[in-house]
């Protein structure tokens, strides 16, 4: 799915960090990533929890770290309790965008081949869920890339 935005969760676009650098002897670079999200689908009422991991040695390790980070999210403890790994990726970038005002529905995330594209798509997804009155308030909250 490389350059394709991944995921509409509970009928709304989510866009999505935990990072660790995998250093080793000359060998194929590991660059596994994952995103975990906790959401009811009603972002304005319940908020959402998010966790990500990049540059892990396996998809399982990435998923475990993303899930652990999501479950520790303090901004929406009820949503943190229901976190699930929703995507794995390799040698790609992710971005998370949301409207910073509490009680608003704007949130979006994306995975893409490069950081700029991931950010553009995450921002666009946030604007769609935010609606016309709040679309201009969507901001990129975080974006990171796996090692290339």
N, C-alpha and C. Protein backbone atom coordinates (compact mmCIF):
# COMPACT_ATOMS: atom_id res chain seq x y z
N UNK A 1 0.81 -1.20 0.00
CA UNK A 1 0.00 0.00 0.00
C UNK A 1 0.85 1.25 0.00
N UNK A 2 2.18 1.13 -0.03
CA UNK A 2 3.12 2.22 -0.08
C UNK A 2 2.60 3.61 0.07
N UNK A 3 2.26 4.25 -1.04
CA UNK A 3 1.88 5.65 -1.01
C UNK A 3 0.41 5.87 -0.71
N UNK A 4 -0.30 4.85 -0.38
CA UNK A 4 -1.74 4.99 -0.18
C UNK A 4 -2.02 5.28 1.29
N UNK A 5 -2.84 6.25 1.53
CA UNK A 5 -3.25 6.54 2.91
C UNK A 5 -3.93 5.30 3.45
N UNK A 6 -3.57 4.90 4.63
CA UNK A 6 -4.12 3.67 5.18
C UNK A 6 -5.10 3.98 6.28
N UNK A 7 -6.30 3.55 6.05
CA UNK A 7 -7.23 3.41 7.13
C UNK A 7 -8.26 4.48 7.33
N UNK A 8 -9.44 4.05 7.46
CA UNK A 8 -10.53 4.85 8.00
C UNK A 8 -11.05 4.01 9.15
N UNK A 9 -10.94 4.47 10.36
CA UNK A 9 -11.33 3.70 11.53
C UNK A 9 -12.61 4.29 12.07
N UNK A 10 -13.62 3.44 12.26
CA UNK A 10 -14.92 3.85 12.79
C UNK A 10 -15.53 4.96 11.97
N UNK A 11 -15.34 4.90 10.67
CA UNK A 11 -15.99 5.83 9.77
C UNK A 11 -15.36 7.21 9.71
N UNK A 12 -14.27 7.42 10.42
CA UNK A 12 -13.62 8.73 10.39
C UNK A 12 -12.14 8.53 10.09
N UNK A 13 -11.56 9.44 9.36
CA UNK A 13 -10.13 9.30 9.07
C UNK A 13 -9.35 9.59 10.33
N UNK A 14 -8.40 8.74 10.63
CA UNK A 14 -7.50 8.97 11.74
C UNK A 14 -6.13 9.21 11.16
N UNK A 15 -5.47 10.07 11.71
CA UNK A 15 -4.12 10.15 11.26
C UNK A 15 -3.21 10.08 12.48
N UNK A 16 -2.60 9.64 12.43
CA UNK A 16 -1.77 9.46 13.54
C UNK A 16 -1.20 10.19 14.00
N UNK A 17 5.10 9.65 19.36
CA UNK A 17 5.81 8.60 18.65
C UNK A 17 6.97 8.16 19.50
N UNK A 18 6.75 6.93 19.25
CA UNK A 18 7.90 6.40 19.98
C UNK A 18 8.94 5.98 18.96
N UNK A 19 10.21 6.32 19.21
CA UNK A 19 11.24 5.98 18.24
C UNK A 19 12.42 5.31 18.93
N UNK A 20 13.06 4.45 18.21
CA UNK A 20 14.34 3.89 18.65
C UNK A 20 15.18 3.64 17.41
N UNK A 21 16.45 3.88 17.50
CA UNK A 21 17.32 3.69 16.35
C UNK A 21 17.96 2.32 16.44
N UNK A 22 17.86 1.55 15.40
CA UNK A 22 18.41 0.20 15.37
C UNK A 22 19.79 0.25 14.71
N UNK A 23 20.83 0.17 15.52
CA UNK A 23 22.19 0.20 15.00
C UNK A 23 22.78 -1.19 15.04
N UNK A 24 23.56 -1.55 14.06
CA UNK A 24 24.16 -2.87 14.06
C UNK A 24 25.31 -2.94 13.09
N UNK A 25 25.84 -4.12 12.97
CA UNK A 25 26.91 -4.37 12.03
C UNK A 25 26.33 -4.33 10.62
N UNK A 26 27.16 -4.20 9.62
CA UNK A 26 26.64 -4.13 8.25
C UNK A 26 25.74 -5.33 7.93
N UNK A 27 24.51 -5.03 7.70
CA UNK A 27 23.51 -6.01 7.33
C UNK A 27 22.30 -5.24 6.82
N UNK A 28 21.32 -5.93 6.36
CA UNK A 28 20.12 -5.25 5.88
C UNK A 28 19.51 -4.47 7.03
N UNK A 29 19.22 -3.20 6.80
CA UNK A 29 18.66 -2.35 7.85
C UNK A 29 17.24 -2.79 8.17
N UNK A 30 16.94 -2.85 9.46
CA UNK A 30 15.58 -3.14 9.89
C UNK A 30 14.85 -1.83 10.02
N UNK A 31 13.67 -1.80 9.51
CA UNK A 31 12.88 -0.58 9.61
C UNK A 31 11.41 -0.97 9.62
N UNK A 32 11.01 -1.53 10.72
CA UNK A 32 9.60 -1.91 10.88
C UNK A 32 8.92 -0.89 11.76
N UNK A 33 7.71 -0.52 11.37
CA UNK A 33 6.95 0.44 12.14
C UNK A 33 5.53 -0.04 12.36
N UNK A 34 4.85 0.60 13.30
CA UNK A 34 3.46 0.26 13.60
C UNK A 34 2.75 1.47 14.19
N UNK A 35 1.45 1.47 14.03
CA UNK A 35 0.59 2.49 14.63
C UNK A 35 -0.49 1.77 15.42
N UNK A 36 -0.73 2.27 16.64
CA UNK A 36 -1.82 1.77 17.47
C UNK A 36 -2.74 2.93 17.80
N UNK A 37 -4.03 2.67 17.79
CA UNK A 37 -5.02 3.72 18.04
C UNK A 37 -6.09 3.19 18.98
N UNK A 38 -6.54 4.05 19.86
CA UNK A 38 -7.69 3.78 20.70
C UNK A 38 -8.73 4.84 20.39
N UNK A 39 -9.87 4.42 19.87
CA UNK A 39 -10.89 5.39 19.48
C UNK A 39 -12.26 4.74 19.46
N UNK A 40 -13.26 5.52 19.84
CA UNK A 40 -14.64 5.05 19.78
C UNK A 40 -15.30 5.46 18.47
N UNK A 41 -14.66 6.39 17.76
CA UNK A 41 -15.24 6.95 16.54
C UNK A 41 -15.86 8.31 16.79
N UNK A 42 -16.10 8.67 18.04
CA UNK A 42 -16.63 9.98 18.40
C UNK A 42 -15.50 10.80 19.01
N UNK A 43 -14.67 11.38 18.16
CA UNK A 43 -13.49 12.09 18.62
C UNK A 43 -13.83 13.32 19.44
N UNK A 44 -14.89 14.01 19.08
CA UNK A 44 -15.27 15.22 19.80
C UNK A 44 -15.64 14.89 21.24
N UNK A 45 -16.31 13.78 21.45
CA UNK A 45 -16.75 13.41 22.79
C UNK A 45 -15.68 12.65 23.57
N UNK A 46 -15.06 11.67 22.93
CA UNK A 46 -14.18 10.74 23.64
C UNK A 46 -12.69 10.97 23.43
N UNK A 47 -12.32 11.77 22.44
CA UNK A 47 -10.92 11.93 22.12
C UNK A 47 -10.39 10.67 21.47
N UNK A 48 -9.08 10.50 21.47
CA UNK A 48 -8.45 9.30 20.92
C UNK A 48 -7.09 9.14 21.57
N UNK A 49 -6.57 7.93 21.51
CA UNK A 49 -5.21 7.64 21.99
C UNK A 49 -4.41 7.14 20.80
N UNK A 50 -3.13 7.43 20.81
CA UNK A 50 -2.28 7.13 19.67
C UNK A 50 -0.91 6.68 20.16
N UNK A 51 -0.35 5.72 19.47
CA UNK A 51 1.02 5.30 19.74
C UNK A 51 1.65 4.83 18.45
N UNK A 52 2.94 5.07 18.29
CA UNK A 52 3.63 4.66 17.08
C UNK A 52 5.03 4.19 17.45
N UNK A 53 5.58 3.39 16.58
CA UNK A 53 6.96 2.94 16.73
C UNK A 53 7.57 2.85 15.34
N UNK A 54 8.84 3.18 15.23
CA UNK A 54 9.55 3.05 13.96
C UNK A 54 10.93 2.44 14.22
N UNK A 55 11.54 1.99 13.15
CA UNK A 55 12.91 1.48 13.17
C UNK A 55 13.10 0.31 14.13
N UNK A 56 12.12 -0.55 14.20
CA UNK A 56 12.21 -1.74 15.04
C UNK A 56 12.71 -2.91 14.20
N UNK A 57 13.22 -3.94 14.86
CA UNK A 57 13.80 -5.06 14.14
C UNK A 57 12.77 -6.04 13.58
N UNK A 58 11.52 -5.94 14.07
CA UNK A 58 10.46 -6.81 13.55
C UNK A 58 9.11 -6.10 13.66
N UNK A 59 8.17 -6.58 12.87
CA UNK A 59 6.82 -6.03 12.93
C UNK A 59 6.21 -6.27 14.31
N UNK A 60 6.50 -7.42 14.91
CA UNK A 60 5.98 -7.73 16.24
C UNK A 60 6.51 -6.75 17.27
N UNK A 61 7.81 -6.48 17.23
CA UNK A 61 8.41 -5.52 18.16
C UNK A 61 7.80 -4.12 17.97
N UNK A 62 7.62 -3.72 16.72
CA UNK A 62 7.02 -2.41 16.43
C UNK A 62 5.60 -2.34 16.98
N UNK A 63 4.83 -3.39 16.74
CA UNK A 63 3.45 -3.42 17.23
C UNK A 63 3.38 -3.37 18.74
N UNK A 64 4.27 -4.10 19.42
CA UNK A 64 4.27 -4.10 20.88
C UNK A 64 4.59 -2.72 21.44
N UNK A 65 5.57 -2.03 20.84
CA UNK A 65 5.93 -0.70 21.34
C UNK A 65 4.83 0.31 21.04
N UNK A 66 4.27 0.27 19.84
CA UNK A 66 3.18 1.20 19.49
C UNK A 66 2.00 1.00 20.45
N UNK A 67 1.66 -0.24 20.74
CA UNK A 67 0.55 -0.54 21.64
C UNK A 67 0.86 -0.06 23.06
N UNK A 68 2.06 -0.31 23.54
CA UNK A 68 2.44 0.14 24.88
C UNK A 68 2.37 1.66 24.99
N UNK A 69 2.85 2.36 23.96
CA UNK A 69 2.81 3.83 23.96
C UNK A 69 1.36 4.32 23.96
N UNK A 70 0.53 3.70 23.14
CA UNK A 70 -0.88 4.09 23.04
C UNK A 70 -1.58 3.89 24.39
N UNK A 71 -1.32 2.77 25.04
CA UNK A 71 -1.99 2.47 26.31
C UNK A 71 -1.57 3.42 27.44
N UNK A 72 -0.44 4.10 27.27
CA UNK A 72 0.03 5.07 28.28
C UNK A 72 -0.45 6.49 27.99
N UNK A 73 -1.20 6.66 26.90
CA UNK A 73 -1.65 8.00 26.49
C UNK A 73 -2.58 8.58 27.56
N UNK A 74 -2.20 9.70 28.14
CA UNK A 74 -2.94 10.27 29.26
C UNK A 74 -4.06 11.21 28.85
N UNK A 75 -4.07 11.67 27.61
CA UNK A 75 -5.07 12.63 27.16
C UNK A 75 -6.49 12.08 27.05
N UNK A 76 -6.61 10.76 26.90
CA UNK A 76 -7.92 10.12 26.77
C UNK A 76 -7.82 8.71 27.37
N UNK A 77 -7.82 8.61 28.70
CA UNK A 77 -7.57 7.31 29.34
C UNK A 77 -8.55 6.20 28.96
N UNK A 78 -9.79 6.53 28.71
CA UNK A 78 -10.76 5.49 28.31
C UNK A 78 -10.42 4.96 26.93
N UNK A 79 -9.92 5.82 26.06
CA UNK A 79 -9.54 5.38 24.72
C UNK A 79 -8.21 4.63 24.78
N UNK A 80 -7.32 5.02 25.68
CA UNK A 80 -6.05 4.32 25.84
C UNK A 80 -6.30 2.86 26.24
N UNK A 81 -7.34 2.64 27.00
CA UNK A 81 -7.65 1.28 27.45
C UNK A 81 -8.08 0.36 26.30
N UNK A 82 -8.52 0.94 25.19
CA UNK A 82 -8.99 0.12 24.06
C UNK A 82 -8.05 0.18 22.85
N UNK A 83 -6.82 0.59 23.07
CA UNK A 83 -5.85 0.68 21.97
C UNK A 83 -5.66 -0.66 21.29
N UNK A 84 -5.50 -0.58 19.97
CA UNK A 84 -5.21 -1.75 19.15
C UNK A 84 -4.22 -1.34 18.07
N UNK A 85 -3.35 -2.27 17.70
CA UNK A 85 -2.45 -2.02 16.57
C UNK A 85 -3.30 -2.08 15.31
N UNK A 86 -3.26 -1.02 14.52
CA UNK A 86 -4.09 -0.96 13.32
C UNK A 86 -3.30 -1.07 12.02
N UNK A 87 -1.99 -0.75 12.06
CA UNK A 87 -1.18 -0.87 10.85
C UNK A 87 0.27 -1.13 11.17
N UNK A 88 0.88 -1.92 10.31
CA UNK A 88 2.32 -2.11 10.29
C UNK A 88 2.83 -1.52 8.98
N UNK A 89 4.05 -1.02 8.99
CA UNK A 89 4.65 -0.49 7.77
C UNK A 89 6.16 -0.68 7.84
N UNK A 90 6.79 -0.57 6.69
CA UNK A 90 8.23 -0.76 6.61
C UNK A 90 8.82 0.23 5.60
N UNK A 91 9.87 0.92 6.02
CA UNK A 91 10.55 1.89 5.15
C UNK A 91 9.59 2.95 4.63
N UNK A 92 8.70 3.41 5.50
CA UNK A 92 7.74 4.46 5.14
C UNK A 92 7.68 5.49 6.27
N UNK A 93 6.86 6.50 6.06
CA UNK A 93 6.69 7.57 7.04
C UNK A 93 5.23 7.62 7.49
N UNK A 94 5.02 8.11 8.70
CA UNK A 94 3.65 8.34 9.17
C UNK A 94 3.54 9.76 9.68
N UNK A 95 2.33 10.27 9.71
CA UNK A 95 2.06 11.59 10.27
C UNK A 95 0.72 11.55 10.97
N UNK A 96 0.61 12.36 12.01
CA UNK A 96 -0.61 12.51 12.79
C UNK A 96 -0.97 13.99 12.81
N UNK A 97 -2.23 14.29 12.55
CA UNK A 97 -2.71 15.67 12.55
C UNK A 97 -4.01 15.71 13.33
N UNK A 98 -4.19 16.77 14.13
CA UNK A 98 -5.48 16.95 14.78
C UNK A 98 -5.71 18.40 15.15
N UNK A 99 -6.96 18.71 15.40
CA UNK A 99 -7.37 20.02 15.89
C UNK A 99 -7.06 20.03 17.38
N UNK A 100 -6.21 20.94 17.86
CA UNK A 100 -5.80 20.91 19.25
C UNK A 100 -6.88 21.31 20.26
N UNK A 101 -7.98 21.85 19.80
CA UNK A 101 -9.04 22.26 20.72
C UNK A 101 -9.81 21.03 21.20
N UNK A 102 -9.91 20.88 22.51
CA UNK A 102 -10.65 19.75 23.08
C UNK A 102 -12.11 19.81 22.63
N UNK A 103 -12.69 18.64 22.44
CA UNK A 103 -14.10 18.57 22.07
C UNK A 103 -14.37 18.82 20.60
N UNK A 104 -13.34 18.76 19.77
CA UNK A 104 -13.54 18.94 18.33
C UNK A 104 -13.24 17.61 17.63
N UNK A 105 -13.85 17.38 16.47
CA UNK A 105 -13.73 16.07 15.82
C UNK A 105 -12.56 15.91 14.87
N UNK A 106 -11.79 16.94 14.62
CA UNK A 106 -10.74 16.87 13.59
C UNK A 106 -9.55 16.03 14.00
N UNK A 107 -9.35 14.92 13.29
CA UNK A 107 -8.17 14.09 13.50
C UNK A 107 -7.91 13.33 12.20
N UNK A 108 -6.64 13.17 11.86
CA UNK A 108 -6.29 12.42 10.67
C UNK A 108 -4.89 11.87 10.78
N UNK A 109 -4.65 10.76 10.12
CA UNK A 109 -3.31 10.20 10.08
C UNK A 109 -3.08 9.58 8.71
N UNK A 110 -1.82 9.37 8.39
CA UNK A 110 -1.49 8.79 7.09
C UNK A 110 -0.13 8.12 7.15
N UNK A 111 0.06 7.16 6.27
CA UNK A 111 1.35 6.51 6.04
C UNK A 111 1.65 6.70 4.56
N UNK A 112 2.89 7.09 4.25
CA UNK A 112 3.27 7.31 2.85
C UNK A 112 4.75 7.03 2.69
N UNK A 113 5.21 7.05 1.45
CA UNK A 113 6.60 6.75 1.14
C UNK A 113 7.56 7.83 1.64
N UNK A 114 7.07 9.07 1.81
CA UNK A 114 7.93 10.14 2.29
C UNK A 114 7.17 11.00 3.30
N UNK A 115 7.92 11.74 4.10
CA UNK A 115 7.35 12.53 5.20
C UNK A 115 6.40 13.61 4.70
N UNK A 116 6.78 14.32 3.66
CA UNK A 116 5.95 15.41 3.14
C UNK A 116 4.58 14.89 2.71
N UNK A 117 4.56 13.77 1.99
CA UNK A 117 3.28 13.21 1.53
C UNK A 117 2.46 12.72 2.72
N UNK A 118 3.09 12.08 3.68
CA UNK A 118 2.37 11.62 4.87
C UNK A 118 1.74 12.81 5.60
N UNK A 119 2.49 13.90 5.75
CA UNK A 119 1.97 15.09 6.43
C UNK A 119 0.81 15.71 5.65
N UNK A 120 0.96 15.84 4.33
CA UNK A 120 -0.11 16.42 3.51
C UNK A 120 -1.39 15.60 3.63
N UNK A 121 -1.27 14.29 3.58
CA UNK A 121 -2.45 13.42 3.65
C UNK A 121 -3.07 13.43 5.04
N UNK A 122 -2.25 13.42 6.07
CA UNK A 122 -2.78 13.46 7.44
C UNK A 122 -3.54 14.76 7.67
N UNK A 123 -2.98 15.86 7.21
CA UNK A 123 -3.63 17.15 7.35
C UNK A 123 -4.96 17.18 6.61
N UNK A 124 -4.97 16.65 5.40
CA UNK A 124 -6.20 16.61 4.61
C UNK A 124 -7.26 15.73 5.30
N UNK A 125 -6.84 14.59 5.84
CA UNK A 125 -7.78 13.72 6.55
C UNK A 125 -8.35 14.41 7.78
N UNK A 126 -7.52 15.16 8.48
CA UNK A 126 -8.01 15.91 9.64
C UNK A 126 -9.04 16.95 9.20
N UNK A 127 -8.75 17.66 8.14
CA UNK A 127 -9.65 18.70 7.66
C UNK A 127 -11.01 18.14 7.28
N UNK A 128 -11.03 16.93 6.72
CA UNK A 128 -12.29 16.29 6.35
C UNK A 128 -13.13 16.01 7.59
N UNK A 129 -12.52 15.47 8.64
CA UNK A 129 -13.28 15.12 9.84
C UNK A 129 -13.60 16.35 10.69
N UNK A 130 -12.79 17.41 10.56
CA UNK A 130 -13.01 18.61 11.37
C UNK A 130 -14.24 19.39 10.93
N UNK A 131 -14.58 19.30 9.67
CA UNK A 131 -15.70 20.08 9.16
C UNK A 131 -15.28 21.48 8.78
N UNK A 132 -16.15 22.21 8.09
CA UNK A 132 -15.79 23.52 7.55
C UNK A 132 -15.43 24.57 8.59
N UNK A 133 -16.01 24.50 9.79
CA UNK A 133 -15.74 25.51 10.81
C UNK A 133 -14.39 25.34 11.51
N UNK A 134 -13.85 24.12 11.51
CA UNK A 134 -12.62 23.84 12.26
C UNK A 134 -11.47 23.36 11.37
N UNK A 135 -11.69 23.20 10.08
CA UNK A 135 -10.67 22.62 9.21
C UNK A 135 -9.35 23.38 9.22
N UNK A 136 -9.39 24.68 9.37
CA UNK A 136 -8.16 25.47 9.35
C UNK A 136 -7.34 25.34 10.64
N UNK A 137 -7.90 24.69 11.65
CA UNK A 137 -7.21 24.53 12.92
C UNK A 137 -6.39 23.24 12.99
N UNK A 138 -6.57 22.35 12.03
CA UNK A 138 -5.81 21.09 12.01
C UNK A 138 -4.32 21.40 11.86
N UNK A 139 -3.52 20.74 12.67
CA UNK A 139 -2.07 20.91 12.64
C UNK A 139 -1.39 19.55 12.69
N UNK A 140 -0.22 19.46 12.10
CA UNK A 140 0.57 18.23 12.21
C UNK A 140 1.09 18.17 13.64
N UNK A 141 0.80 17.07 14.32
CA UNK A 141 1.25 16.87 15.69
C UNK A 141 2.59 16.13 15.72
N UNK A 142 2.74 15.16 14.84
CA UNK A 142 4.00 14.42 14.77
C UNK A 142 4.12 13.74 13.42
N UNK A 143 5.37 13.55 13.00
CA UNK A 143 5.63 12.79 11.77
C UNK A 143 7.06 12.28 11.85
N UNK A 144 7.20 11.01 11.51
CA UNK A 144 8.51 10.35 11.56
C UNK A 144 8.59 9.33 10.45
N UNK A 145 9.81 8.96 10.10
CA UNK A 145 10.03 7.97 9.05
C UNK A 145 10.90 6.83 9.55
N UNK A 146 10.62 5.64 9.00
CA UNK A 146 11.51 4.50 9.18
C UNK A 146 12.82 4.79 8.49
N UNK A 147 13.87 4.11 8.89
CA UNK A 147 15.15 4.24 8.18
C UNK A 147 14.96 3.80 6.73
N UNK A 148 15.69 4.40 5.85
CA UNK A 148 15.57 4.05 4.44
C UNK A 148 16.70 3.19 3.98
